[in-house]
């Protein structure tokens, strides 16, 4: 328990530092992207993780459909895919400081599941990300067991309505490194 608390503390300190650093940079400039790469690497190392990518991410892929186990999934994906990606996440998680500052500066997409018009905003936001890979966690929540949970309809709707090229990605063994439950 103490080891996990220390990992979590180190990760949150790095996230807060990244939030401050990114707010001092011109959005999407060279320094901005360099800070993102540095802090992503720092966060991955702070929890003692090692990222192993089996296979390749297709350069033409528009959207990655990924299972979700931990908050650490985001940093491992940035480390593996690069930082020119946009995550889709729900409000309530992505709108709390320091994460909210990073979400705003980077241009990640938030969805208010309580708003009946949220799907229209989501379609517009994803369409505006043309040329960048969008990542969605279709389970709608983190799997505490490591097993892939049933998917919600949002990912399928995005792919079909916007005619996106989708690629599935499976994250394994994150819970061995960073287990929040």
N, C-alpha and C. Protein backbone atom coordinates (compact mmCIF):
# COMPACT_ATOMS: atom_id res chain seq x y z
N UNK A 1 0.83 -1.20 0.00
CA UNK A 1 0.00 0.00 0.00
C UNK A 1 0.87 1.26 0.00
N UNK A 2 1.93 1.25 0.82
CA UNK A 2 2.81 2.41 0.88
C UNK A 2 3.48 2.65 -0.46
N UNK A 3 3.91 1.57 -1.13
CA UNK A 3 4.58 1.69 -2.43
C UNK A 3 3.64 2.32 -3.44
N UNK A 4 2.37 1.86 -3.47
CA UNK A 4 1.41 2.46 -4.40
C UNK A 4 1.17 3.93 -4.09
N UNK A 5 1.04 4.28 -2.82
CA UNK A 5 0.83 5.68 -2.44
C UNK A 5 1.99 6.55 -2.89
N UNK A 6 3.20 6.04 -2.79
CA UNK A 6 4.37 6.77 -3.24
C UNK A 6 4.36 6.95 -4.76
N UNK A 7 3.99 5.89 -5.49
CA UNK A 7 3.88 5.98 -6.95
C UNK A 7 2.83 7.01 -7.34
N UNK A 8 1.70 6.95 -6.66
CA UNK A 8 0.61 7.87 -6.96
C UNK A 8 1.03 9.31 -6.67
N UNK A 9 1.70 9.53 -5.56
CA UNK A 9 2.19 10.86 -5.19
C UNK A 9 3.15 11.38 -6.25
N UNK A 10 4.11 10.55 -6.66
CA UNK A 10 5.09 10.98 -7.67
C UNK A 10 4.39 11.32 -8.98
N UNK A 11 3.40 10.49 -9.35
CA UNK A 11 2.69 10.74 -10.60
C UNK A 11 1.91 12.04 -10.53
N UNK A 12 1.22 12.30 -9.43
CA UNK A 12 0.44 13.54 -9.30
C UNK A 12 1.33 14.77 -9.27
N UNK A 13 2.50 14.67 -8.64
CA UNK A 13 3.45 15.79 -8.65
C UNK A 13 3.90 16.07 -10.08
N UNK A 14 4.19 15.01 -10.83
CA UNK A 14 4.61 15.19 -12.23
C UNK A 14 3.47 15.77 -13.07
N UNK A 15 2.24 15.35 -12.83
CA UNK A 15 1.09 15.90 -13.56
C UNK A 15 0.92 17.38 -13.24
N UNK A 16 1.03 17.75 -11.97
CA UNK A 16 0.92 19.16 -11.58
C UNK A 16 2.03 19.98 -12.21
N UNK A 17 3.26 19.46 -12.21
CA UNK A 17 4.38 20.17 -12.83
C UNK A 17 4.16 20.32 -14.33
N UNK A 18 3.64 19.28 -14.97
CA UNK A 18 3.34 19.35 -16.39
C UNK A 18 2.28 20.41 -16.66
N UNK A 19 1.27 20.47 -15.82
CA UNK A 19 0.22 21.47 -15.98
C UNK A 19 0.78 22.88 -15.95
N UNK A 20 1.65 23.15 -14.99
CA UNK A 20 2.27 24.47 -14.88
C UNK A 20 3.18 24.73 -16.08
N UNK A 21 4.01 23.77 -16.44
CA UNK A 21 4.95 23.95 -17.55
C UNK A 21 4.22 24.21 -18.86
N UNK A 22 3.15 23.45 -19.13
CA UNK A 22 2.42 23.63 -20.38
C UNK A 22 1.70 24.97 -20.43
N UNK A 23 1.27 25.46 -19.28
CA UNK A 23 0.58 26.75 -19.27
C UNK A 23 1.53 27.91 -19.57
N UNK A 24 2.84 27.67 -19.46
CA UNK A 24 3.83 28.71 -19.75
C UNK A 24 4.29 28.69 -21.21
N UNK A 25 3.85 27.72 -21.97
CA UNK A 25 4.32 27.56 -23.35
C UNK A 25 3.25 27.95 -24.36
N UNK A 26 3.72 28.32 -25.54
CA UNK A 26 2.81 28.53 -26.67
C UNK A 26 2.22 27.17 -27.04
N UNK A 27 0.92 27.14 -27.18
CA UNK A 27 0.23 25.89 -27.45
C UNK A 27 0.77 25.22 -28.71
N UNK A 28 1.16 23.98 -28.59
CA UNK A 28 1.63 23.12 -29.68
C UNK A 28 2.89 23.62 -30.37
N UNK A 29 3.67 24.46 -29.70
CA UNK A 29 4.98 24.85 -30.22
C UNK A 29 6.01 23.76 -29.91
N UNK A 30 7.25 23.97 -30.34
CA UNK A 30 8.30 22.96 -30.10
C UNK A 30 8.52 22.71 -28.61
N UNK A 31 8.57 23.78 -27.82
CA UNK A 31 8.79 23.63 -26.38
C UNK A 31 7.62 22.89 -25.72
N UNK A 32 6.42 23.22 -26.14
CA UNK A 32 5.20 22.59 -25.63
C UNK A 32 5.28 21.07 -25.84
N UNK A 33 5.58 20.66 -27.07
CA UNK A 33 5.65 19.22 -27.38
C UNK A 33 6.82 18.55 -26.68
N UNK A 34 7.93 19.24 -26.54
CA UNK A 34 9.08 18.69 -25.83
C UNK A 34 8.73 18.48 -24.35
N UNK A 35 8.06 19.47 -23.73
CA UNK A 35 7.63 19.32 -22.33
C UNK A 35 6.71 18.11 -22.17
N UNK A 36 5.79 17.94 -23.10
CA UNK A 36 4.87 16.79 -23.02
C UNK A 36 5.63 15.48 -23.07
N UNK A 37 6.59 15.37 -23.98
CA UNK A 37 7.39 14.14 -24.08
C UNK A 37 8.19 13.90 -22.80
N UNK A 38 8.80 14.97 -22.29
CA UNK A 38 9.62 14.86 -21.07
C UNK A 38 8.76 14.41 -19.89
N UNK A 39 7.61 15.07 -19.70
CA UNK A 39 6.77 14.74 -18.54
C UNK A 39 6.13 13.36 -18.69
N UNK A 40 5.78 12.97 -19.90
CA UNK A 40 5.24 11.62 -20.09
C UNK A 40 6.28 10.58 -19.71
N UNK A 41 7.51 10.78 -20.16
CA UNK A 41 8.60 9.86 -19.79
C UNK A 41 8.83 9.85 -18.29
N UNK A 42 8.78 11.03 -17.67
CA UNK A 42 8.96 11.14 -16.22
C UNK A 42 7.87 10.38 -15.46
N UNK A 43 6.64 10.52 -15.92
CA UNK A 43 5.52 9.84 -15.26
C UNK A 43 5.65 8.33 -15.41
N UNK A 44 6.00 7.88 -16.61
CA UNK A 44 6.16 6.43 -16.83
C UNK A 44 7.27 5.88 -15.94
N UNK A 45 8.39 6.58 -15.87
CA UNK A 45 9.50 6.12 -15.02
C UNK A 45 9.15 6.20 -13.53
N UNK A 46 8.35 7.20 -13.14
CA UNK A 46 8.05 7.39 -11.72
C UNK A 46 7.30 6.22 -11.10
N UNK A 47 6.57 5.47 -11.92
CA UNK A 47 5.86 4.30 -11.38
C UNK A 47 6.60 3.00 -11.69
N UNK A 48 7.77 3.12 -12.30
CA UNK A 48 8.59 1.95 -12.58
C UNK A 48 8.07 1.11 -13.73
N UNK A 49 7.38 1.72 -14.67
CA UNK A 49 6.80 0.97 -15.78
C UNK A 49 7.77 0.85 -16.95
N UNK A 50 7.54 -0.17 -17.73
CA UNK A 50 8.27 -0.36 -18.97
C UNK A 50 7.21 -0.63 -20.04
N UNK A 51 7.24 0.14 -21.12
CA UNK A 51 6.25 0.02 -22.18
C UNK A 51 6.80 -0.90 -23.26
N UNK A 52 6.06 -1.95 -23.56
CA UNK A 52 6.42 -2.87 -24.65
C UNK A 52 5.28 -2.88 -25.65
N UNK A 53 5.55 -2.43 -26.86
CA UNK A 53 4.54 -2.39 -27.91
C UNK A 53 4.73 -3.59 -28.82
N UNK A 54 3.71 -4.42 -28.91
CA UNK A 54 3.73 -5.56 -29.81
C UNK A 54 2.86 -5.19 -31.01
N UNK A 55 3.42 -5.25 -32.19
CA UNK A 55 2.69 -4.82 -33.38
C UNK A 55 2.97 -3.36 -33.66
N UNK A 56 2.21 -2.78 -34.57
CA UNK A 56 2.42 -1.38 -34.94
C UNK A 56 1.09 -0.64 -34.97
N UNK A 57 1.19 0.65 -34.78
CA UNK A 57 0.03 1.52 -34.93
C UNK A 57 0.04 1.99 -36.38
N UNK A 58 -1.03 1.70 -37.11
CA UNK A 58 -1.12 2.09 -38.51
C UNK A 58 -1.13 3.61 -38.63
N UNK A 59 -0.30 4.14 -39.49
CA UNK A 59 -0.19 5.60 -39.67
C UNK A 59 -1.50 6.22 -40.14
N UNK A 60 -2.32 5.45 -40.86
CA UNK A 60 -3.58 5.99 -41.39
C UNK A 60 -4.75 5.88 -40.42
N UNK A 61 -4.53 5.30 -39.27
CA UNK A 61 -5.60 5.13 -38.30
C UNK A 61 -6.08 6.48 -37.78
N UNK A 62 -7.40 6.65 -37.71
CA UNK A 62 -7.99 7.88 -37.18
C UNK A 62 -8.28 7.75 -35.69
N UNK A 63 -8.73 6.57 -35.28
CA UNK A 63 -9.16 6.40 -33.89
C UNK A 63 -8.65 5.06 -33.35
N UNK A 64 -8.10 5.12 -32.16
CA UNK A 64 -7.66 3.91 -31.46
C UNK A 64 -8.72 3.56 -30.42
N UNK A 65 -9.17 2.33 -30.45
CA UNK A 65 -10.18 1.86 -29.51
C UNK A 65 -9.45 0.97 -28.50
N UNK A 66 -9.37 1.44 -27.25
CA UNK A 66 -8.46 0.86 -26.26
C UNK A 66 -9.21 0.47 -24.99
N UNK A 67 -8.87 -0.70 -24.45
CA UNK A 67 -9.42 -1.07 -23.14
C UNK A 67 -8.80 -0.17 -22.07
N UNK A 68 -9.49 -0.04 -20.94
CA UNK A 68 -9.07 0.94 -19.92
C UNK A 68 -8.99 0.26 -18.56
N UNK A 69 -7.79 0.30 -17.95
CA UNK A 69 -7.60 -0.32 -16.65
C UNK A 69 -7.22 0.69 -15.57
N UNK A 70 -6.53 1.75 -15.96
CA UNK A 70 -5.95 2.64 -14.96
C UNK A 70 -5.74 4.02 -15.56
N UNK A 71 -5.61 5.02 -14.70
CA UNK A 71 -5.27 6.35 -15.17
C UNK A 71 -3.92 6.32 -15.90
N UNK A 72 -3.09 5.38 -15.55
CA UNK A 72 -1.77 5.26 -16.15
C UNK A 72 -1.83 4.86 -17.63
N UNK A 73 -2.96 4.32 -18.09
CA UNK A 73 -3.13 3.97 -19.51
C UNK A 73 -2.80 5.15 -20.41
N UNK A 74 -3.22 6.33 -20.00
CA UNK A 74 -3.04 7.54 -20.81
C UNK A 74 -1.56 7.81 -21.05
N UNK A 75 -0.77 7.72 -20.02
CA UNK A 75 0.66 8.01 -20.15
C UNK A 75 1.39 6.91 -20.92
N UNK A 76 0.97 5.67 -20.71
CA UNK A 76 1.61 4.58 -21.46
C UNK A 76 1.28 4.70 -22.94
N UNK A 77 0.07 5.12 -23.27
CA UNK A 77 -0.29 5.31 -24.68
C UNK A 77 0.48 6.47 -25.30
N UNK A 78 0.61 7.58 -24.56
CA UNK A 78 1.40 8.70 -25.08
C UNK A 78 2.84 8.28 -25.31
N UNK A 79 3.38 7.47 -24.42
CA UNK A 79 4.76 7.00 -24.57
C UNK A 79 4.89 6.10 -25.81
N UNK A 80 3.90 5.23 -26.05
CA UNK A 80 3.97 4.27 -27.15
C UNK A 80 3.61 4.88 -28.50
N UNK A 81 2.60 5.75 -28.53
CA UNK A 81 2.08 6.28 -29.79
C UNK A 81 2.69 7.63 -30.14
N UNK A 82 3.07 8.40 -29.15
CA UNK A 82 3.54 9.76 -29.37
C UNK A 82 2.54 10.72 -28.77
N UNK A 83 2.89 11.99 -28.72
CA UNK A 83 1.99 12.90 -28.01
C UNK A 83 1.10 13.73 -28.93
N UNK A 84 1.06 13.40 -30.22
CA UNK A 84 0.15 14.11 -31.11
C UNK A 84 -1.16 13.33 -31.21
N UNK A 85 -1.76 13.10 -30.05
CA UNK A 85 -3.00 12.34 -29.95
C UNK A 85 -4.00 13.11 -29.09
N UNK A 86 -5.25 12.77 -29.23
CA UNK A 86 -6.30 13.39 -28.43
C UNK A 86 -7.12 12.29 -27.76
N UNK A 87 -7.29 12.40 -26.47
CA UNK A 87 -8.09 11.44 -25.72
C UNK A 87 -9.51 11.95 -25.58
N UNK A 88 -10.45 11.01 -25.57
CA UNK A 88 -11.84 11.32 -25.26
C UNK A 88 -12.08 10.83 -23.84
N UNK A 89 -12.57 11.72 -22.99
CA UNK A 89 -12.84 11.35 -21.60
C UNK A 89 -14.05 12.11 -21.10
N UNK A 90 -14.60 11.63 -20.04
CA UNK A 90 -15.83 12.28 -19.54
C UNK A 90 -15.51 13.40 -18.55
N UNK A 91 -16.40 14.37 -18.55
CA UNK A 91 -16.29 15.43 -17.55
C UNK A 91 -16.49 14.77 -16.19
N UNK A 92 -15.98 15.41 -15.18
CA UNK A 92 -16.00 14.80 -13.85
C UNK A 92 -14.66 14.17 -13.54
N UNK A 93 -13.98 13.72 -14.58
CA UNK A 93 -12.63 13.19 -14.43
C UNK A 93 -11.65 14.18 -15.05
N UNK A 94 -11.97 14.63 -16.24
CA UNK A 94 -11.02 15.45 -16.99
C UNK A 94 -11.18 16.95 -16.73
N UNK A 95 -12.04 17.32 -15.80
CA UNK A 95 -12.23 18.75 -15.54
C UNK A 95 -11.77 19.17 -14.14
N UNK A 96 -10.91 18.38 -13.54
CA UNK A 96 -10.36 18.73 -12.22
C UNK A 96 -8.88 19.07 -12.36
N UNK A 97 -8.46 20.16 -11.67
CA UNK A 97 -7.05 20.58 -11.74
C UNK A 97 -6.20 19.51 -11.08
N UNK A 98 -5.03 19.19 -11.54
CA UNK A 98 -4.28 19.79 -12.64
C UNK A 98 -4.59 19.18 -14.01
N UNK A 99 -5.35 18.07 -14.02
CA UNK A 99 -5.65 17.41 -15.29
C UNK A 99 -6.39 18.34 -16.24
N UNK A 100 -7.32 19.13 -15.71
CA UNK A 100 -8.12 20.02 -16.56
C UNK A 100 -7.26 21.00 -17.34
N UNK A 101 -6.21 21.47 -16.73
CA UNK A 101 -5.31 22.43 -17.40
C UNK A 101 -4.61 21.76 -18.58
N UNK A 102 -4.17 20.53 -18.39
CA UNK A 102 -3.53 19.78 -19.47
C UNK A 102 -4.54 19.48 -20.57
N UNK A 103 -5.72 19.03 -20.19
CA UNK A 103 -6.78 18.72 -21.16
C UNK A 103 -7.07 19.93 -22.03
N UNK A 104 -7.19 21.09 -21.41
CA UNK A 104 -7.47 22.33 -22.14
C UNK A 104 -6.32 22.71 -23.07
N UNK A 105 -5.11 22.69 -22.56
CA UNK A 105 -3.95 23.10 -23.36
C UNK A 105 -3.68 22.15 -24.52
N UNK A 106 -3.83 20.87 -24.29
CA UNK A 106 -3.52 19.87 -25.31
C UNK A 106 -4.65 19.76 -26.33
N UNK A 107 -5.88 19.92 -25.89
CA UNK A 107 -7.01 19.81 -26.79
C UNK A 107 -7.70 18.46 -26.74
N UNK A 108 -7.57 17.78 -25.59
CA UNK A 108 -8.30 16.52 -25.43
C UNK A 108 -9.80 16.83 -25.44
N UNK A 109 -10.61 15.83 -25.66
CA UNK A 109 -12.05 16.00 -25.85
C UNK A 109 -12.78 15.49 -24.61
N UNK A 110 -13.66 16.32 -24.08
CA UNK A 110 -14.45 15.89 -22.92
C UNK A 110 -15.90 15.70 -23.33
N UNK A 111 -16.55 14.76 -22.67
CA UNK A 111 -17.95 14.43 -22.95
C UNK A 111 -18.72 14.50 -21.64
N UNK A 112 -19.79 15.26 -21.64
CA UNK A 112 -20.68 15.32 -20.49
C UNK A 112 -21.78 14.29 -20.71
N UNK A 113 -21.70 13.18 -20.02
CA UNK A 113 -22.66 12.09 -20.23
C UNK A 113 -24.07 12.45 -19.77
N UNK A 114 -24.22 13.52 -19.02
CA UNK A 114 -25.54 13.95 -18.56
C UNK A 114 -26.26 14.81 -19.59
N UNK A 115 -25.53 15.28 -20.61
CA UNK A 115 -26.08 16.18 -21.62
C UNK A 115 -26.53 15.37 -22.83
N UNK A 116 -27.81 15.49 -23.17
CA UNK A 116 -28.34 14.73 -24.31
C UNK A 116 -27.76 15.19 -25.64
N UNK A 117 -27.19 16.40 -25.70
CA UNK A 117 -26.59 16.91 -26.94
C UNK A 117 -25.09 16.63 -27.01
N UNK A 118 -24.57 15.91 -26.04
CA UNK A 118 -23.12 15.67 -25.97
C UNK A 118 -22.59 14.92 -27.19
N UNK A 119 -23.39 14.02 -27.76
CA UNK A 119 -22.92 13.25 -28.91
C UNK A 119 -22.68 14.16 -30.12
N UNK A 120 -23.48 15.20 -30.26
CA UNK A 120 -23.30 16.15 -31.37
C UNK A 120 -21.99 16.90 -31.20
N UNK A 121 -21.73 17.36 -29.98
CA UNK A 121 -20.46 18.04 -29.69
C UNK A 121 -19.29 17.09 -29.90
N UNK A 122 -19.44 15.85 -29.46
CA UNK A 122 -18.38 14.86 -29.62
C UNK A 122 -18.06 14.63 -31.09
N UNK A 123 -19.09 14.48 -31.92
CA UNK A 123 -18.87 14.28 -33.36
C UNK A 123 -18.11 15.46 -33.96
N UNK A 124 -18.50 16.68 -33.59
CA UNK A 124 -17.81 17.89 -34.09
C UNK A 124 -16.37 17.94 -33.61
N UNK A 125 -16.15 17.65 -32.34
CA UNK A 125 -14.80 17.71 -31.77
C UNK A 125 -13.87 16.68 -32.41
N UNK A 126 -14.37 15.48 -32.62
CA UNK A 126 -13.55 14.43 -33.23
C UNK A 126 -13.26 14.78 -34.69
N UNK A 127 -14.27 15.29 -35.38
CA UNK A 127 -14.08 15.69 -36.78
C UNK A 127 -13.01 16.78 -36.89
N UNK A 128 -12.96 17.68 -35.92
CA UNK A 128 -11.96 18.77 -35.91
C UNK A 128 -10.55 18.26 -35.64
N UNK A 129 -10.41 17.05 -35.18
CA UNK A 129 -9.09 16.46 -34.88
C UNK A 129 -8.48 15.78 -36.10
N UNK A 130 -8.98 16.06 -37.27
CA UNK A 130 -8.47 15.42 -38.50
C UNK A 130 -6.95 15.49 -38.55
N UNK A 131 -6.31 14.37 -38.83
CA UNK A 131 -4.86 14.33 -38.89
C UNK A 131 -4.20 13.93 -37.58
N UNK A 132 -4.96 13.89 -36.51
CA UNK A 132 -4.44 13.46 -35.21
C UNK A 132 -5.16 12.17 -34.83
N UNK A 133 -4.48 11.34 -34.11
CA UNK A 133 -5.13 10.11 -33.65
C UNK A 133 -5.97 10.44 -32.42
N UNK A 134 -7.18 9.93 -32.43
CA UNK A 134 -8.09 10.09 -31.30
C UNK A 134 -8.14 8.74 -30.58
N UNK A 135 -8.14 8.80 -29.26
CA UNK A 135 -8.18 7.57 -28.46
C UNK A 135 -9.44 7.58 -27.61
N UNK A 136 -10.18 6.48 -27.70
CA UNK A 136 -11.39 6.34 -26.90
C UNK A 136 -11.31 5.03 -26.11
N UNK A 137 -11.81 5.10 -24.90
CA UNK A 137 -11.91 3.92 -24.04
C UNK A 137 -13.39 3.52 -24.04
N UNK A 138 -13.80 2.59 -24.91
CA UNK A 138 -15.23 2.33 -25.12
C UNK A 138 -15.94 1.62 -23.97
N UNK A 139 -15.19 1.14 -22.99
CA UNK A 139 -15.83 0.48 -21.85
C UNK A 139 -16.57 1.50 -20.98
N UNK A 140 -16.20 2.77 -21.09
CA UNK A 140 -16.86 3.82 -20.34
C UNK A 140 -16.34 3.99 -18.92
N UNK A 141 -15.54 3.07 -18.45
CA UNK A 141 -14.96 3.15 -17.12
C UNK A 141 -13.73 2.24 -17.07
N UNK A 142 -12.99 2.35 -15.99
CA UNK A 142 -11.80 1.50 -15.84
C UNK A 142 -12.21 0.11 -15.37
N UNK A 143 -11.57 -0.89 -15.94
CA UNK A 143 -11.78 -2.27 -15.51
C UNK A 143 -10.87 -2.54 -14.32
N UNK A 144 -11.43 -2.82 -13.18
CA UNK A 144 -10.63 -3.08 -11.97
C UNK A 144 -10.04 -4.48 -11.97
N UNK A 145 -10.59 -5.36 -12.81
CA UNK A 145 -10.14 -6.75 -12.83
C UNK A 145 -9.09 -7.02 -13.90
N UNK A 146 -8.95 -6.10 -14.85
CA UNK A 146 -8.04 -6.33 -15.97
C UNK A 146 -8.73 -6.98 -17.15
N UNK A 147 -9.95 -7.43 -16.96
CA UNK A 147 -10.72 -8.04 -18.05
C UNK A 147 -11.40 -6.94 -18.86
N UNK A 148 -11.54 -7.18 -20.16
CA UNK A 148 -12.21 -6.20 -21.02
C UNK A 148 -13.70 -6.26 -20.74
N UNK A 149 -14.27 -5.10 -20.42
CA UNK A 149 -15.69 -4.98 -20.08
C UNK A 149 -16.50 -4.74 -21.36
N UNK A 150 -17.84 -4.87 -21.30
CA UNK A 150 -18.67 -4.58 -22.48
C UNK A 150 -18.49 -3.12 -22.92
N UNK A 151 -18.55 -2.90 -24.23
CA UNK A 151 -18.38 -1.57 -24.79
C UNK A 151 -19.70 -0.81 -24.79
N UNK A 152 -19.60 0.50 -24.58
CA UNK A 152 -20.75 1.37 -24.76
C UNK A 152 -20.84 1.72 -26.25
N UNK A 153 -21.93 2.34 -26.67
CA UNK A 153 -22.20 2.56 -28.09
C UNK A 153 -21.40 3.69 -28.73
N UNK A 154 -20.79 4.58 -27.94
CA UNK A 154 -20.16 5.78 -28.47
C UNK A 154 -19.07 5.55 -29.50
N UNK A 155 -18.19 4.59 -29.28
CA UNK A 155 -17.08 4.34 -30.21
C UNK A 155 -17.61 3.88 -31.56
N UNK A 156 -18.55 2.97 -31.54
CA UNK A 156 -19.14 2.47 -32.79
C UNK A 156 -19.81 3.60 -33.55
N UNK A 157 -20.54 4.43 -32.85
CA UNK A 157 -21.23 5.56 -33.47
C UNK A 157 -20.23 6.52 -34.13
N UNK A 158 -19.15 6.84 -33.43
CA UNK A 158 -18.12 7.72 -33.98
C UNK A 158 -17.52 7.15 -35.26
N UNK A 159 -17.15 5.89 -35.22
CA UNK A 159 -16.52 5.25 -36.37
C UNK A 159 -17.47 5.24 -37.57
N UNK A 160 -18.72 4.89 -37.33
CA UNK A 160 -19.69 4.80 -38.43
C UNK A 160 -20.08 6.16 -38.98
N UNK A 161 -20.43 7.09 -38.11
CA UNK A 161 -20.90 8.42 -38.56
C UNK A 161 -19.82 9.22 -39.26
N UNK A 162 -18.59 9.15 -38.74
CA UNK A 162 -17.50 9.95 -39.31
C UNK A 162 -16.63 9.15 -40.28
N UNK A 163 -17.00 7.87 -40.50
CA UNK A 163 -16.25 7.00 -41.40
C UNK A 163 -14.76 7.00 -41.07
N UNK A 164 -14.47 6.74 -39.81
CA UNK A 164 -13.09 6.74 -39.32
C UNK A 164 -12.46 5.37 -39.48
N UNK A 165 -11.17 5.37 -39.73
CA UNK A 165 -10.42 4.12 -39.75
C UNK A 165 -10.02 3.83 -38.30
N UNK A 166 -10.52 2.72 -37.78
CA UNK A 166 -10.31 2.37 -36.37
C UNK A 166 -9.29 1.24 -36.24
N UNK A 167 -8.56 1.28 -35.14
CA UNK A 167 -7.63 0.20 -34.82
C UNK A 167 -7.78 -0.14 -33.35
N UNK A 168 -8.00 -1.42 -33.05
CA UNK A 168 -8.08 -1.82 -31.64
C UNK A 168 -6.69 -1.91 -31.01
N UNK A 169 -6.61 -1.56 -29.74
CA UNK A 169 -5.37 -1.68 -28.98
C UNK A 169 -5.74 -2.31 -27.64
N UNK A 170 -4.97 -3.30 -27.23
CA UNK A 170 -5.21 -3.96 -25.95
C UNK A 170 -4.05 -3.64 -25.02
N UNK A 171 -4.39 -3.11 -23.86
CA UNK A 171 -3.40 -2.83 -22.82
C UNK A 171 -3.43 -3.98 -21.83
N UNK A 172 -2.25 -4.50 -21.53
CA UNK A 172 -2.15 -5.63 -20.60
C UNK A 172 -1.18 -5.29 -19.48
N UNK A 173 -1.43 -5.86 -18.33
CA UNK A 173 -0.52 -5.83 -17.18
C UNK A 173 -0.32 -4.46 -16.54
N UNK A 174 -1.12 -3.48 -16.87
CA UNK A 174 -1.00 -2.16 -16.22
C UNK A 174 -1.28 -2.29 -14.72
N UNK A 175 -2.23 -3.13 -14.38
CA UNK A 175 -2.61 -3.25 -12.97
C UNK A 175 -1.48 -3.83 -12.13
N UNK A 176 -0.53 -4.51 -12.76
CA UNK A 176 0.65 -5.00 -12.03
C UNK A 176 1.56 -3.85 -11.62
N UNK A 177 1.51 -2.75 -12.38
CA UNK A 177 2.38 -1.60 -12.14
C UNK A 177 1.67 -0.50 -11.38
N UNK A 178 0.41 -0.22 -11.76
CA UNK A 178 -0.31 0.91 -11.18
C UNK A 178 -1.78 0.51 -11.00
N UNK A 179 -2.11 -0.03 -9.86
CA UNK A 179 -3.46 -0.51 -9.57
C UNK A 179 -4.13 0.43 -8.58
N UNK A 180 -5.16 1.13 -9.05
CA UNK A 180 -5.83 2.14 -8.22
C UNK A 180 -6.88 1.56 -7.27
N UNK A 181 -7.24 0.28 -7.44
CA UNK A 181 -8.31 -0.27 -6.60
C UNK A 181 -7.79 -0.77 -5.28
